[in-house]
């Protein structure tokens, strides 16, 4: 039985939903699981960490995320605990941290996985802008994987036994790259990468103010609000809302594309959505070939009607 590791990601002290997917995958693997968490107080997170063997609590005077010292610390943990596989979330932090970790741990990395077999160290991920799925087999001593959110069905652990807790000191690595400031959005937005439903708008929204109708629909669905690159470039939406190859890769249960043509750049970022609904007044728009459901019509008429009907239904 192999020893595998998980990087448990916290955002402003909050346990990210996608961690539960990692824990489900790890418990199902039948391997010895070591979850690594950088925190001063472990107690609030222990109820989430049932059903695994070990929790490694990283301690230090300043646990603020800095990529070099986090990567060096995780590399030291992988070496000391002889972990053959190590997983994290394919999030903004995961994309920043895991390539650095791969270099420091001299490990192979497979990013943006849709499925992972931790025992066999195999993974499936999209390639060529999502046109194909490729299977990777890692033969190096250590395999690293980042997993796209919303691809693993979460399961609660049946075991109530608490894991063994071990402590590890944060590595005092010299920072080649240092985060000096984090500018937070004033809006309380749902994280698109973890959202179960997303309503997105394209250039056809015409201006920034019109995104209010998408926000109204999103409020009914408890959804996030996204945008195409064209809408962001036109300054109708902020960059953190961009979905696509150069924006965020999302994987919700429901994706509603409003006034989005369906260019490949955008499609790559949302093609694994479980249900895709397109609203566009152009019946020849490419998005209709990729959507599960399509409505041909003016989004400024359709979206408010859809909001009202969903409100009644829900």
Protein backbone atom coordinates (compact mmCIF):
# COMPACT_ATOMS: atom_id res chain seq x y z
CA UNK A 1 0.00 0.00 0.00
CA UNK A 2 1.45 3.34 -1.07
CA UNK A 3 1.55 6.62 0.83
CA UNK A 4 -0.12 9.53 -0.95
CA UNK A 5 -0.55 13.19 -0.04
CA UNK A 6 -3.11 15.94 -0.47
CA UNK A 7 -2.59 19.69 -0.31
CA UNK A 8 -5.61 21.07 1.56
CA UNK A 9 -6.20 24.58 0.27
CA UNK A 10 -7.64 27.29 2.52
CA UNK A 11 -8.91 30.61 1.20
CA UNK A 12 -8.86 33.27 3.89
CA UNK A 13 -9.12 30.50 6.45
CA UNK A 14 -12.11 28.86 4.74
CA UNK A 15 -11.94 25.16 3.81
CA UNK A 16 -12.51 25.08 0.03
CA UNK A 17 -15.30 22.85 -1.25
CA UNK A 18 -13.00 21.20 -3.79
CA UNK A 19 -10.92 19.76 -0.95
CA UNK A 20 -13.83 17.40 -0.30
CA UNK A 21 -13.41 16.02 -3.82
CA UNK A 22 -9.71 15.38 -3.18
CA UNK A 23 -10.55 13.62 0.08
CA UNK A 24 -13.20 11.47 -1.64
CA UNK A 25 -10.70 10.46 -4.33
CA UNK A 26 -8.03 9.67 -1.76
CA UNK A 27 -10.33 7.60 0.47
CA UNK A 28 -11.54 5.60 -2.53
CA UNK A 29 -7.96 4.82 -3.60
CA UNK A 30 -7.33 2.46 -0.68
CA UNK A 31 -3.91 4.07 -0.06
CA UNK A 32 -2.48 5.59 3.12
CA UNK A 33 -3.52 9.25 2.94
CA UNK A 34 -1.57 12.20 4.37
CA UNK A 35 -3.40 15.53 4.18
CA UNK A 36 -1.17 18.60 4.47
CA UNK A 37 -2.70 21.81 5.81
CA UNK A 38 -0.98 25.13 6.57
CA UNK A 39 -2.76 26.56 9.62
CA UNK A 40 -2.23 27.79 13.18
CA UNK A 41 -5.35 26.05 14.53
CA UNK A 42 -6.29 22.66 13.11
CA UNK A 43 -9.44 22.05 15.18
CA UNK A 44 -11.99 23.80 12.88
CA UNK A 45 -10.94 21.60 9.94
CA UNK A 46 -10.75 18.18 11.63
CA UNK A 47 -14.44 17.30 11.02
CA UNK A 48 -13.73 17.56 7.27
CA UNK A 49 -10.69 15.28 7.49
CA UNK A 50 -12.33 12.05 8.67
CA UNK A 51 -11.53 8.75 7.02
CA UNK A 52 -7.84 9.37 6.31
CA UNK A 53 -4.79 8.15 8.15
CA UNK A 54 -2.70 11.27 8.83
CA UNK A 55 -3.02 15.05 8.93
CA UNK A 56 0.23 17.01 8.69
CA UNK A 57 -0.21 20.45 10.22
CA UNK A 58 2.37 22.93 8.95
CA UNK A 59 3.17 25.53 11.59
CA UNK A 60 5.14 28.76 11.48
CA UNK A 61 5.24 32.38 12.56
CA UNK A 62 3.75 33.60 9.26
CA UNK A 63 1.69 31.12 7.26
CA UNK A 64 0.63 33.65 4.61
CA UNK A 65 0.86 31.98 1.21
CA UNK A 66 4.23 32.55 -0.42
CA UNK A 67 4.96 30.22 -3.34
CA UNK A 68 8.62 29.44 -2.72
CA UNK A 69 8.38 28.55 0.97
CA UNK A 70 5.16 26.60 0.46
CA UNK A 71 6.76 24.64 -2.40
CA UNK A 72 9.94 23.97 -0.41
CA UNK A 73 7.92 22.85 2.62
CA UNK A 74 5.77 20.47 0.56
CA UNK A 75 8.86 19.07 -1.19
CA UNK A 76 10.39 18.33 2.24
CA UNK A 77 7.15 16.62 3.36
CA UNK A 78 7.03 14.50 0.19
CA UNK A 79 10.62 13.39 0.85
CA UNK A 80 10.26 12.73 4.59
CA UNK A 81 6.99 10.80 4.33
CA UNK A 82 8.00 9.07 1.07
CA UNK A 83 4.83 10.07 -0.76
CA UNK A 84 4.48 8.44 -4.18
CA UNK A 85 1.63 10.70 -5.31
CA UNK A 86 0.56 14.18 -4.25
CA UNK A 87 -2.65 15.98 -5.29
CA UNK A 88 -4.07 19.49 -5.19
CA UNK A 89 -6.86 21.55 -6.71
CA UNK A 90 -6.49 23.01 -10.21
CA UNK A 91 -7.14 26.49 -8.81
CA UNK A 92 -5.30 29.78 -9.18
CA UNK A 93 -3.05 28.77 -6.29
CA UNK A 94 -2.66 25.22 -7.55
CA UNK A 95 -1.50 26.50 -10.94
CA UNK A 96 1.05 28.73 -9.19
CA UNK A 97 2.28 26.27 -6.58
CA UNK A 98 2.44 22.84 -8.20
CA UNK A 99 4.88 23.62 -11.05
CA UNK A 100 7.28 25.05 -8.44
CA UNK A 101 6.75 21.97 -6.29
CA UNK A 102 7.45 19.69 -9.26
CA UNK A 103 10.83 21.37 -9.78
CA UNK A 104 11.80 21.26 -6.09
CA UNK A 105 10.61 17.68 -5.54
CA UNK A 106 12.00 16.49 -8.92
CA UNK A 107 8.57 15.07 -9.66
CA UNK A 108 6.31 14.72 -12.71
CA UNK A 109 3.21 16.92 -12.82
CA UNK A 110 -0.09 16.36 -14.63
CA UNK A 111 -2.30 19.46 -14.42
CA UNK A 112 -6.05 19.91 -14.87
CA UNK A 113 -7.02 16.25 -14.46
CA UNK A 114 -10.58 15.05 -15.02
CA UNK A 115 -9.88 11.63 -13.47
CA UNK A 116 -7.00 10.18 -11.46
CA UNK A 117 -6.14 6.63 -10.37
CA UNK A 118 -3.82 7.28 -7.43
CA UNK A 119 -2.85 3.64 -7.03
CA UNK A 120 -1.81 3.19 -10.66
CA UNK A 121 -0.68 6.84 -10.91
CA UNK A 122 -2.67 7.40 -14.06
CA UNK A 123 -4.64 10.50 -15.04
CA UNK A 124 -6.94 11.71 -17.80
CA UNK A 125 -6.82 15.34 -18.91
CA UNK A 126 -7.96 17.43 -21.88
CA UNK A 127 -5.41 18.35 -24.56
CA UNK A 128 -5.39 20.39 -27.79
CA UNK A 129 -7.78 23.02 -26.44
CA UNK A 130 -10.09 20.33 -25.12
CA UNK A 131 -10.53 18.56 -28.47
CA UNK A 132 -9.11 15.29 -27.10
CA UNK A 133 -8.65 13.51 -23.79
CA UNK A 134 -5.23 12.02 -23.08
CA UNK A 135 -4.27 9.36 -20.52
CA UNK A 136 -1.00 9.87 -18.67
CA UNK A 137 1.00 7.23 -16.81
CA UNK A 138 3.62 8.60 -14.38
CA UNK A 139 6.65 6.37 -13.85
CA UNK A 140 8.81 8.80 -11.84
CA UNK A 141 9.34 8.24 -8.13
CA UNK A 142 6.79 10.96 -7.30
CA UNK A 143 3.69 11.93 -9.28
CA UNK A 144 1.91 15.27 -8.82
CA UNK A 145 -1.67 15.89 -9.96
CA UNK A 146 -3.98 18.89 -9.88
CA UNK A 147 -7.65 18.07 -10.29
CA UNK A 148 -10.30 20.24 -11.92
CA UNK A 149 -13.09 21.20 -9.47
CA UNK A 150 -16.52 19.55 -9.79
CA UNK A 151 -15.32 16.36 -11.53
CA UNK A 152 -15.46 14.00 -8.52
CA UNK A 153 -18.74 13.15 -6.84
CA UNK A 154 -18.22 14.01 -3.18
CA UNK A 155 -18.89 11.34 -0.57
CA UNK A 156 -18.91 11.66 3.21
CA UNK A 157 -16.57 9.36 5.07
CA UNK A 158 -18.30 6.49 6.86
CA UNK A 159 -15.42 6.35 9.35
CA UNK A 160 -15.60 8.50 12.49
CA UNK A 161 -12.04 7.85 13.65
CA UNK A 162 -9.92 10.98 13.75
CA UNK A 163 -6.65 10.87 11.83
CA UNK A 164 -3.25 10.89 13.48
CA UNK A 165 -1.91 14.45 13.68
CA UNK A 166 1.72 15.22 12.92
CA UNK A 167 3.46 18.58 12.94
CA UNK A 168 5.88 20.09 10.44
CA UNK A 169 7.67 23.42 10.50
CA UNK A 170 7.32 25.87 7.62
CA UNK A 171 10.52 25.92 5.56
CA UNK A 172 12.37 29.27 5.77
CA UNK A 173 13.04 29.35 2.03
CA UNK A 174 14.50 32.47 0.45
CA UNK A 175 11.73 34.03 -1.61
CA UNK A 176 12.62 34.42 -5.27
CA UNK A 177 9.01 35.41 -5.85
CA UNK A 178 7.08 37.20 -3.12
CA UNK A 179 3.44 38.20 -2.93
CA UNK A 180 3.48 41.70 -1.49
CA UNK A 181 -0.20 42.59 -1.74
CA UNK A 182 -3.53 40.89 -2.38
CA UNK A 183 -6.26 43.17 -3.67
CA UNK A 184 -9.66 41.78 -2.80
CA UNK A 185 -12.76 42.38 -4.85
CA UNK A 186 -15.31 44.56 -3.09
CA UNK A 187 -18.12 42.42 -4.50
CA UNK A 188 -19.05 39.19 -2.71
CA UNK A 189 -18.71 36.93 -5.74
CA UNK A 190 -19.07 33.19 -5.96
CA UNK A 191 -15.80 31.49 -6.94
CA UNK A 192 -16.47 30.45 -10.55
CA UNK A 193 -14.11 27.48 -10.39
CA UNK A 194 -16.23 25.94 -7.61
CA UNK A 195 -19.67 27.21 -8.65
CA UNK A 196 -22.39 24.63 -9.32
CA UNK A 197 -24.17 27.01 -11.71
CA UNK A 198 -22.84 29.89 -13.84
CA UNK A 199 -24.59 32.51 -15.96
CA UNK A 200 -22.21 34.11 -18.49
CA UNK A 201 -22.54 37.02 -20.88
CA UNK A 202 -20.77 37.91 -24.09
CA UNK A 203 -20.27 40.96 -26.28
CA UNK A 204 -24.01 41.00 -26.99
CA UNK A 205 -24.54 42.33 -23.45
CA UNK A 206 -23.67 45.75 -25.00
CA UNK A 207 -22.49 47.40 -21.78
CA UNK A 208 -21.49 46.82 -18.17
CA UNK A 209 -24.84 47.90 -16.76
CA UNK A 210 -26.71 45.20 -18.67
CA UNK A 211 -24.91 42.50 -16.69
CA UNK A 212 -27.44 43.32 -13.96
CA UNK A 213 -30.01 41.10 -15.69
CA UNK A 214 -27.57 38.18 -15.54
CA UNK A 215 -26.93 38.91 -11.87
CA UNK A 216 -30.68 38.79 -11.22
CA UNK A 217 -30.93 35.36 -12.88
CA UNK A 218 -27.82 34.18 -11.04
CA UNK A 219 -29.32 35.26 -7.72
CA UNK A 220 -32.32 32.99 -8.32
CA UNK A 221 -30.06 30.05 -9.17
CA UNK A 222 -27.45 30.89 -6.50
CA UNK A 223 -25.02 30.94 -9.41
CA UNK A 224 -21.82 32.75 -10.28
CA UNK A 225 -21.66 35.33 -13.07
CA UNK A 226 -19.06 34.87 -15.81
CA UNK A 227 -18.12 36.55 -19.08
CA UNK A 228 -16.48 35.83 -22.39
CA UNK A 229 -13.14 37.35 -23.31
CA UNK A 230 -14.90 39.68 -25.75
CA UNK A 231 -17.02 41.07 -22.90
CA UNK A 232 -13.97 41.51 -20.68
CA UNK A 233 -11.95 43.17 -23.46
CA UNK A 234 -14.85 45.56 -24.05
CA UNK A 235 -14.77 46.35 -20.28
CA UNK A 236 -18.30 45.10 -19.75
CA UNK A 237 -16.99 42.70 -17.08
CA UNK A 238 -13.93 42.39 -14.84
CA UNK A 239 -11.04 40.04 -15.62
CA UNK A 240 -11.87 37.75 -12.69
CA UNK A 241 -15.15 36.90 -14.46
CA UNK A 242 -13.51 35.66 -17.68
CA UNK A 243 -14.20 32.06 -18.62
CA UNK A 244 -12.07 30.46 -21.32
CA UNK A 245 -8.62 29.32 -22.33
CA UNK A 246 -7.01 32.55 -21.09
CA UNK A 247 -9.45 32.94 -18.21
CA UNK A 248 -10.91 30.45 -15.75
CA UNK A 249 -11.64 26.82 -16.51
CA UNK A 250 -15.01 26.00 -14.96
CA UNK A 251 -17.00 22.82 -14.55
CA UNK A 252 -20.47 23.60 -13.14
CA UNK A 253 -23.58 21.43 -13.22
CA UNK A 254 -25.33 24.19 -15.21
CA UNK A 255 -23.79 26.75 -17.57
CA UNK A 256 -26.04 29.37 -19.20
CA UNK A 257 -24.32 31.24 -22.06
CA UNK A 258 -26.10 34.51 -22.91
CA UNK A 259 -25.11 36.27 -26.13
CA UNK A 260 -21.93 34.20 -26.46
CA UNK A 261 -21.08 33.00 -29.96
CA UNK A 262 -19.24 29.87 -28.83
CA UNK A 263 -15.68 30.48 -30.07
CA UNK A 264 -13.24 27.68 -29.20
CA UNK A 265 -11.35 29.95 -26.77
CA UNK A 266 -14.44 30.24 -24.60
CA UNK A 267 -15.66 26.69 -25.13
CA UNK A 268 -12.39 25.24 -23.80
CA UNK A 269 -13.07 26.90 -20.46
CA UNK A 270 -16.56 25.45 -19.93
CA UNK A 271 -16.96 22.41 -22.18
CA UNK A 272 -17.02 19.94 -19.27
CA UNK A 273 -20.11 21.61 -17.77
CA UNK A 274 -22.78 18.98 -17.13
CA UNK A 275 -25.59 20.94 -18.83
CA UNK A 276 -24.99 23.84 -21.26
CA UNK A 277 -27.84 26.20 -22.14
CA UNK A 278 -27.33 28.77 -24.92
CA UNK A 279 -29.36 31.93 -25.50
CA UNK A 280 -28.56 33.74 -28.74
CA UNK A 281 -30.59 35.52 -31.39
CA UNK A 282 -28.36 34.12 -34.16
CA UNK A 283 -29.62 30.59 -34.97
CA UNK A 284 -26.29 29.84 -36.70
CA UNK A 285 -24.16 30.69 -33.65
CA UNK A 286 -21.59 27.89 -33.03
CA UNK A 287 -22.63 27.68 -29.37
CA UNK A 288 -25.82 25.85 -30.39
CA UNK A 289 -23.79 22.92 -31.75
CA UNK A 290 -22.23 22.50 -28.31
CA UNK A 291 -25.23 23.22 -26.11
CA UNK A 292 -27.58 20.67 -24.56
CA UNK A 293 -30.44 23.19 -24.81
CA UNK A 294 -30.74 26.28 -26.98
CA UNK A 295 -33.08 29.25 -27.08
CA UNK A 296 -33.04 31.40 -30.21
CA UNK A 297 -34.08 34.89 -29.21
CA UNK A 298 -33.12 38.25 -27.77
CA UNK A 299 -31.37 37.66 -24.43
CA UNK A 300 -32.83 40.91 -23.07
CA UNK A 301 -36.30 39.37 -23.48
CA UNK A 302 -35.45 35.73 -22.72
CA UNK A 303 -33.31 36.14 -19.58
CA UNK A 304 -35.92 38.08 -17.53
CA UNK A 305 -38.61 35.57 -18.58
CA UNK A 306 -36.35 32.68 -17.62
CA UNK A 307 -35.63 34.33 -14.27
CA UNK A 308 -39.34 34.76 -13.51
CA UNK A 309 -40.19 31.16 -14.46
CA UNK A 310 -37.30 29.71 -12.47
CA UNK A 311 -38.26 31.82 -9.48
CA UNK A 312 -41.77 30.34 -9.54
CA UNK A 313 -40.43 26.82 -10.01
CA UNK A 314 -37.75 26.99 -7.34
